[in-house]
Amino acid sequence: MFKSDAPQRAKHILGVVHSYMCGSFDVPSLGGNQYFLTFVDELTRKVGLFLLKEKKKVFSLFVKWCIRV
């Protein structure tokens, strides 16, 4: 069970960002993607979900997501 009153560590937007990357999958998606990547801002709970063909684009996607948040 999840606690809704758990203490929050983030004091400002993008103060704490949780990230998860999954892959490489044996069978790529129809678009040729073999990975997926998520970002969650702890304070605002904004979520980013990205499909990737290669890992080298992770940092650039993180920067773009931060700008959007």
PDB file of N, CA and C in Angstrom:
ATOM      1  N   MET A   1       0.850  -1.177   0.000  1.00  0.00           N
ATOM      2  CA  MET A   1       0.000   0.000   0.000  1.00  0.00           C
ATOM      3  C   MET A   1       0.892   1.236   0.000  1.00  0.00           C
ATOM      4  N   PHE A   2       0.511   2.229  -0.770  1.00  0.00           N
ATOM      5  CA  PHE A   2       1.278   3.464  -0.870  1.00  0.00           C
ATOM      6  C   PHE A   2       0.790   4.475   0.154  1.00  0.00           C
ATOM      7  N   LYS A   3       1.716   5.148   0.789  1.00  0.00           N
ATOM      8  CA  LYS A   3       1.356   6.187   1.749  1.00  0.00           C
ATOM      9  C   LYS A   3       1.230   7.520   1.019  1.00  0.00           C
ATOM     10  N   SER A   4       0.142   8.221   1.251  1.00  0.00           N
ATOM     11  CA  SER A   4      -0.025   9.528   0.626  1.00  0.00           C
ATOM     12  C   SER A   4       0.613  10.627   1.456  1.00  0.00           C
ATOM     13  N   ASP A   5       0.974  10.315   2.697  1.00  0.00           N
ATOM     14  CA  ASP A   5       1.568  11.319   3.579  1.00  0.00           C
ATOM     15  C   ASP A   5       3.080  11.135   3.733  1.00  0.00           C
ATOM     16  N   ALA A   6       3.700  10.448   2.778  1.00  0.00           N
ATOM     17  CA  ALA A   6       5.146  10.237   2.825  1.00  0.00           C
ATOM     18  C   ALA A   6       5.860  11.581   2.678  1.00  0.00           C
ATOM     19  N   PRO A   7       6.939  11.785   3.409  1.00  0.00           N
ATOM     20  CA  PRO A   7       7.649  13.069   3.308  1.00  0.00           C
ATOM     21  C   PRO A   7       8.225  13.275   1.916  1.00  0.00           C
ATOM     22  N   GLN A   8       8.166  14.512   1.476  1.00  0.00           N
ATOM     23  CA  GLN A   8       8.661  14.860   0.155  1.00  0.00           C
ATOM     24  C   GLN A   8      10.070  15.429   0.278  1.00  0.00           C
ATOM     25  N   ARG A   9      10.989  14.921  -0.538  1.00  0.00           N
ATOM     26  CA  ARG A   9      12.371  15.384  -0.469  1.00  0.00           C
ATOM     27  C   ARG A   9      12.616  16.618  -1.316  1.00  0.00           C
ATOM     28  N   ALA A  10      11.826  16.791  -2.355  1.00  0.00           N
ATOM     29  CA  ALA A  10      12.046  17.909  -3.269  1.00  0.00           C
ATOM     30  C   ALA A  10      11.516  19.205  -2.667  1.00  0.00           C
ATOM     31  N   LYS A  11      12.331  20.235  -2.728  1.00  0.00           N
ATOM     32  CA  LYS A  11      11.939  21.558  -2.237  1.00  0.00           C
ATOM     33  C   LYS A  11      11.544  22.480  -3.382  1.00  0.00           C
ATOM     34  N   HIS A  12      11.962  22.166  -4.611  1.00  0.00           N
ATOM     35  CA  HIS A  12      11.644  22.977  -5.767  1.00  0.00           C
ATOM     36  C   HIS A  12      11.520  22.079  -6.997  1.00  0.00           C
ATOM     37  N   ILE A  13      10.935  22.623  -8.053  1.00  0.00           N
ATOM     38  CA  ILE A  13      10.745  21.863  -9.288  1.00  0.00           C
ATOM     39  C   ILE A  13      12.098  21.397  -9.823  1.00  0.00           C
ATOM     40  N   LEU A  14      12.167  20.156 -10.207  1.00  0.00           N
ATOM     41  CA  LEU A  14      13.367  19.475 -10.714  1.00  0.00           C
ATOM     42  C   LEU A  14      14.440  19.300  -9.635  1.00  0.00           C
ATOM     43  N   GLY A  15      14.064  19.471  -8.373  1.00  0.00           N
ATOM     44  CA  GLY A  15      15.005  19.246  -7.280  1.00  0.00           C
ATOM     45  C   GLY A  15      15.359  17.773  -7.141  1.00  0.00           C
ATOM     46  N   VAL A  16      14.365  16.911  -7.330  1.00  0.00           N
ATOM     47  CA  VAL A  16      14.570  15.457  -7.308  1.00  0.00           C
ATOM     48  C   VAL A  16      13.816  14.887  -8.504  1.00  0.00           C
ATOM     49  N   VAL A  17      14.543  14.219  -9.387  1.00  0.00           N
ATOM     50  CA  VAL A  17      13.948  13.601 -10.571  1.00  0.00           C
ATOM     51  C   VAL A  17      14.273  12.115 -10.537  1.00  0.00           C
ATOM     52  N   HIS A  18      13.236  11.303 -10.662  1.00  0.00           N
ATOM     53  CA  HIS A  18      13.411   9.861 -10.720  1.00  0.00           C
ATOM     54  C   HIS A  18      13.416   9.446 -12.184  1.00  0.00           C
ATOM     55  N   SER A  19      14.291   8.515 -12.525  1.00  0.00           N
ATOM     56  CA  SER A  19      14.432   8.091 -13.904  1.00  0.00           C
ATOM     57  C   SER A  19      14.531   6.570 -13.972  1.00  0.00           C
ATOM     58  N   TYR A  20      14.017   6.020 -15.052  1.00  0.00           N
ATOM     59  CA  TYR A  20      14.094   4.579 -15.267  1.00  0.00           C
ATOM     60  C   TYR A  20      14.249   4.320 -16.759  1.00  0.00           C
ATOM     61  N   MET A  21      15.177   3.445 -17.097  1.00  0.00           N
ATOM     62  CA  MET A  21      15.375   3.060 -18.493  1.00  0.00           C
ATOM     63  C   MET A  21      15.261   1.548 -18.592  1.00  0.00           C
ATOM     64  N   CYS A  22      14.505   1.096 -19.567  1.00  0.00           N
ATOM     65  CA  CYS A  22      14.290  -0.337 -19.742  1.00  0.00           C
ATOM     66  C   CYS A  22      14.629  -0.721 -21.176  1.00  0.00           C
ATOM     67  N   GLY A  23      15.276  -1.835 -21.343  1.00  0.00           N
ATOM     68  CA  GLY A  23      15.634  -2.329 -22.672  1.00  0.00           C
ATOM     69  C   GLY A  23      17.017  -2.930 -22.604  1.00  0.00           C
ATOM     70  N   SER A  24      17.472  -3.394 -23.562  1.00  0.00           N
ATOM     71  CA  SER A  24      17.110  -3.521 -24.952  1.00  0.00           C
ATOM     72  C   SER A  24      16.212  -4.756 -25.109  1.00  0.00           C
ATOM     73  N   PHE A  25      15.127  -4.560 -25.844  1.00  0.00           N
ATOM     74  CA  PHE A  25      14.192  -5.645 -26.072  1.00  0.00           C
ATOM     75  C   PHE A  25      14.616  -6.453 -27.290  1.00  0.00           C
ATOM     76  N   ASP A  26      14.361  -7.753 -27.246  1.00  0.00           N
ATOM     77  CA  ASP A  26      14.728  -8.629 -28.359  1.00  0.00           C
ATOM     78  C   ASP A  26      13.978  -8.267 -29.636  1.00  0.00           C
ATOM     79  N   VAL A  27      12.726  -7.873 -29.487  1.00  0.00           N
ATOM     80  CA  VAL A  27      11.899  -7.505 -30.641  1.00  0.00           C
ATOM     81  C   VAL A  27      11.613  -6.009 -30.555  1.00  0.00           C
ATOM     82  N   PRO A  28      12.102  -5.219 -31.493  1.00  0.00           N
ATOM     83  CA  PRO A  28      11.843  -3.768 -31.454  1.00  0.00           C
ATOM     84  C   PRO A  28      10.380  -3.449 -31.748  1.00  0.00           C
ATOM     85  N   SER A  29       9.970  -2.240 -31.381  1.00  0.00           N
ATOM     86  CA  SER A  29       8.608  -1.785 -31.673  1.00  0.00           C
ATOM     87  C   SER A  29       8.442  -1.594 -33.175  1.00  0.00           C
ATOM     88  N   LEU A  30       7.227  -1.267 -33.583  1.00  0.00           N
ATOM     89  CA  LEU A  30       6.979  -1.044 -35.012  1.00  0.00           C
ATOM     90  C   LEU A  30       7.800   0.117 -35.547  1.00  0.00           C
ATOM     91  N   GLY A  31       8.142   1.078 -34.692  1.00  0.00           N
ATOM     92  CA  GLY A  31       8.971   2.214 -35.093  1.00  0.00           C
ATOM     93  C   GLY A  31      10.460   1.946 -34.978  1.00  0.00           C
ATOM     94  N   GLY A  32      10.839   0.739 -34.554  1.00  0.00           N
ATOM     95  CA  GLY A  32      12.249   0.382 -34.441  1.00  0.00           C
ATOM     96  C   GLY A  32      12.864   0.716 -33.096  1.00  0.00           C
ATOM     97  N   ASN A  33      12.049   1.072 -32.108  1.00  0.00           N
ATOM     98  CA  ASN A  33      12.566   1.426 -30.782  1.00  0.00           C
ATOM     99  C   ASN A  33      12.831   0.178 -29.956  1.00  0.00           C
ATOM    100  N   GLN A  34      13.956   0.213 -29.222  1.00  0.00           N
ATOM    101  CA  GLN A  34      14.331  -0.935 -28.402  1.00  0.00           C
ATOM    102  C   GLN A  34      14.394  -0.610 -26.913  1.00  0.00           C
ATOM    103  N   TYR A  35      14.183   0.638 -26.538  1.00  0.00           N
ATOM    104  CA  TYR A  35      14.258   1.069 -25.144  1.00  0.00           C
ATOM    105  C   TYR A  35      13.085   1.985 -24.828  1.00  0.00           C
ATOM    106  N   PHE A  36      12.745   2.070 -23.532  1.00  0.00           N
ATOM    107  CA  PHE A  36      11.893   3.164 -23.105  1.00  0.00           C
ATOM    108  C   PHE A  36      12.504   3.801 -21.876  1.00  0.00           C
ATOM    109  N   LEU A  37      12.208   5.083 -21.699  1.00  0.00           N
ATOM    110  CA  LEU A  37      12.824   5.907 -20.672  1.00  0.00           C
ATOM    111  C   LEU A  37      11.742   6.746 -20.016  1.00  0.00           C
ATOM    112  N   THR A  38      11.758   6.818 -18.678  1.00  0.00           N
ATOM    113  CA  THR A  38      10.803   7.662 -17.967  1.00  0.00           C
ATOM    114  C   THR A  38      11.537   8.629 -17.047  1.00  0.00           C
ATOM    115  N   PHE A  39      10.940   9.807 -16.868  1.00  0.00           N
ATOM    116  CA  PHE A  39      11.390  10.791 -15.892  1.00  0.00           C
ATOM    117  C   PHE A  39      10.166  11.210 -15.085  1.00  0.00           C
ATOM    118  N   VAL A  40      10.325  11.360 -13.771  1.00  0.00           N
ATOM    119  CA  VAL A  40       9.241  11.830 -12.910  1.00  0.00           C
ATOM    120  C   VAL A  40       9.818  12.895 -11.988  1.00  0.00           C
ATOM    121  N   ASP A  41       9.242  14.101 -12.036  1.00  0.00           N
ATOM    122  CA  ASP A  41       9.623  15.161 -11.108  1.00  0.00           C
ATOM    123  C   ASP A  41       8.882  14.916  -9.796  1.00  0.00           C
ATOM    124  N   GLU A  42       9.609  14.821  -8.705  1.00  0.00           N
ATOM    125  CA  GLU A  42       9.006  14.468  -7.431  1.00  0.00           C
ATOM    126  C   GLU A  42       8.031  15.533  -6.920  1.00  0.00           C
ATOM    127  N   LEU A  43       8.329  16.796  -7.124  1.00  0.00           N
ATOM    128  CA  LEU A  43       7.475  17.857  -6.597  1.00  0.00           C
ATOM    129  C   LEU A  43       6.172  18.004  -7.387  1.00  0.00           C
ATOM    130  N   THR A  44       6.260  18.093  -8.697  1.00  0.00           N
ATOM    131  CA  THR A  44       5.076  18.343  -9.526  1.00  0.00           C
ATOM    132  C   THR A  44       4.415  17.063 -10.024  1.00  0.00           C
ATOM    133  N   ARG A  45       5.126  15.935  -9.930  1.00  0.00           N
ATOM    134  CA  ARG A  45       4.668  14.640 -10.444  1.00  0.00           C
ATOM    135  C   ARG A  45       4.505  14.633 -11.961  1.00  0.00           C
ATOM    136  N   LYS A  46       5.186  15.545 -12.636  1.00  0.00           N
ATOM    137  CA  LYS A  46       5.171  15.547 -14.109  1.00  0.00           C
ATOM    138  C   LYS A  46       5.972  14.342 -14.590  1.00  0.00           C
ATOM    139  N   VAL A  47       5.438  13.665 -15.595  1.00  0.00           N
ATOM    140  CA  VAL A  47       6.044  12.432 -16.097  1.00  0.00           C
ATOM    141  C   VAL A  47       6.414  12.606 -17.559  1.00  0.00           C
ATOM    142  N   GLY A  48       7.572  12.082 -17.914  1.00  0.00           N
ATOM    143  CA  GLY A  48       7.986  12.023 -19.310  1.00  0.00           C
ATOM    144  C   GLY A  48       8.238  10.577 -19.674  1.00  0.00           C
ATOM    145  N   LEU A  49       7.701  10.129 -20.790  1.00  0.00           N
ATOM    146  CA  LEU A  49       7.908   8.770 -21.283  1.00  0.00           C
ATOM    147  C   LEU A  49       8.404   8.875 -22.714  1.00  0.00           C
ATOM    148  N   PHE A  50       9.541   8.269 -22.975  1.00  0.00           N
ATOM    149  CA  PHE A  50      10.168   8.364 -24.286  1.00  0.00           C
ATOM    150  C   PHE A  50      10.527   6.978 -24.800  1.00  0.00           C
ATOM    151  N   LEU A  51      10.371   6.777 -26.099  1.00  0.00           N
ATOM    152  CA  LEU A  51      10.807   5.558 -26.768  1.00  0.00           C
ATOM    153  C   LEU A  51      12.097   5.877 -27.501  1.00  0.00           C
ATOM    154  N   LEU A  52      13.077   4.984 -27.378  1.00  0.00           N
ATOM    155  CA  LEU A  52      14.403   5.246 -27.954  1.00  0.00           C
ATOM    156  C   LEU A  52      14.874   4.099 -28.831  1.00  0.00           C
ATOM    157  N   LYS A  53      15.586   4.460 -29.869  1.00  0.00           N
ATOM    158  CA  LYS A  53      16.235   3.460 -30.707  1.00  0.00           C
ATOM    159  C   LYS A  53      17.633   3.147 -30.182  1.00  0.00           C
ATOM    160  N   GLU A  54      18.256   4.138 -29.535  1.00  0.00           N
ATOM    161  CA  GLU A  54      19.610   3.969 -29.005  1.00  0.00           C
ATOM    162  C   GLU A  54      19.771   4.770 -27.714  1.00  0.00           C
ATOM    163  N   LYS A  55      20.666   4.314 -26.864  1.00  0.00           N
ATOM    164  CA  LYS A  55      20.852   4.921 -25.547  1.00  0.00           C
ATOM    165  C   LYS A  55      21.497   6.304 -25.587  1.00  0.00           C
ATOM    166  N   LYS A  56      22.212   6.622 -26.626  1.00  0.00           N
ATOM    167  CA  LYS A  56      22.997   7.854 -26.630  1.00  0.00           C
ATOM    168  C   LYS A  56      22.142   9.126 -26.612  1.00  0.00           C
ATOM    169  N   LYS A  57      20.825   9.012 -26.777  1.00  0.00           N
ATOM    170  CA  LYS A  57      19.959  10.182 -26.783  1.00  0.00           C
ATOM    171  C   LYS A  57      19.363  10.492 -25.409  1.00  0.00           C
ATOM    172  N   VAL A  58      19.742   9.747 -24.383  1.00  0.00           N
ATOM    173  CA  VAL A  58      19.142   9.914 -23.057  1.00  0.00           C
ATOM    174  C   VAL A  58      19.367  11.320 -22.508  1.00  0.00           C
ATOM    175  N   PHE A  59      20.579  11.797 -22.527  1.00  0.00           N
ATOM    176  CA  PHE A  59      20.866  13.106 -21.932  1.00  0.00           C
ATOM    177  C   PHE A  59      20.137  14.227 -22.662  1.00  0.00           C
ATOM    178  N   SER A  60      20.125  14.195 -23.983  1.00  0.00           N
ATOM    179  CA  SER A  60      19.441  15.256 -24.729  1.00  0.00           C
ATOM    180  C   SER A  60      17.937  15.233 -24.455  1.00  0.00           C
ATOM    181  N   LEU A  61      17.346  14.050 -24.298  1.00  0.00           N
ATOM    182  CA  LEU A  61      15.931  13.966 -23.942  1.00  0.00           C
ATOM    183  C   LEU A  61      15.681  14.498 -22.533  1.00  0.00           C
ATOM    184  N   PHE A  62      16.602  14.231 -21.620  1.00  0.00           N
ATOM    185  CA  PHE A  62      16.460  14.742 -20.256  1.00  0.00           C
ATOM    186  C   PHE A  62      16.481  16.271 -20.253  1.00  0.00           C
ATOM    187  N   VAL A  63      17.382  16.863 -20.998  1.00  0.00           N
ATOM    188  CA  VAL A  63      17.468  18.323 -21.076  1.00  0.00           C
ATOM    189  C   VAL A  63      16.178  18.896 -21.666  1.00  0.00           C
ATOM    190  N   LYS A  64      15.667  18.310 -22.744  1.00  0.00           N
ATOM    191  CA  LYS A  64      14.424  18.779 -23.358  1.00  0.00           C
ATOM    192  C   LYS A  64      13.258  18.651 -22.385  1.00  0.00           C
ATOM    193  N   TRP A  65      13.201  17.539 -21.660  1.00  0.00           N
ATOM    194  CA  TRP A  65      12.125  17.340 -20.691  1.00  0.00           C
ATOM    195  C   TRP A  65      12.195  18.360 -19.565  1.00  0.00           C
ATOM    196  N   CYS A  66      13.396  18.656 -19.084  1.00  0.00           N
ATOM    197  CA  CYS A  66      13.564  19.672 -18.018  1.00  0.00           C
ATOM    198  C   CYS A  66      13.075  21.039 -18.479  1.00  0.00           C
ATOM    199  N   ILE A  67      13.348  21.387 -19.715  1.00  0.00           N
ATOM    200  CA  ILE A  67      12.885  22.669 -20.256  1.00  0.00           C
ATOM    201  C   ILE A  67      11.369  22.717 -20.290  1.00  0.00           C
ATOM    202  N   ARG A  68      10.737  21.613 -20.676  1.00  0.00           N
ATOM    203  CA  ARG A  68       9.273  21.560 -20.715  1.00  0.00           C
ATOM    204  C   ARG A  68       8.653  21.639 -19.328  1.00  0.00           C
ATOM    205  N   VAL A  69       9.302  21.026 -18.347  1.00  0.00           N
ATOM    206  CA  VAL A  69       8.766  21.030 -16.966  1.00  0.00           C
ATOM    207  C   VAL A  69       8.907  22.426 -16.401  1.00  0.00           C
TER     208      VAL A  69
END
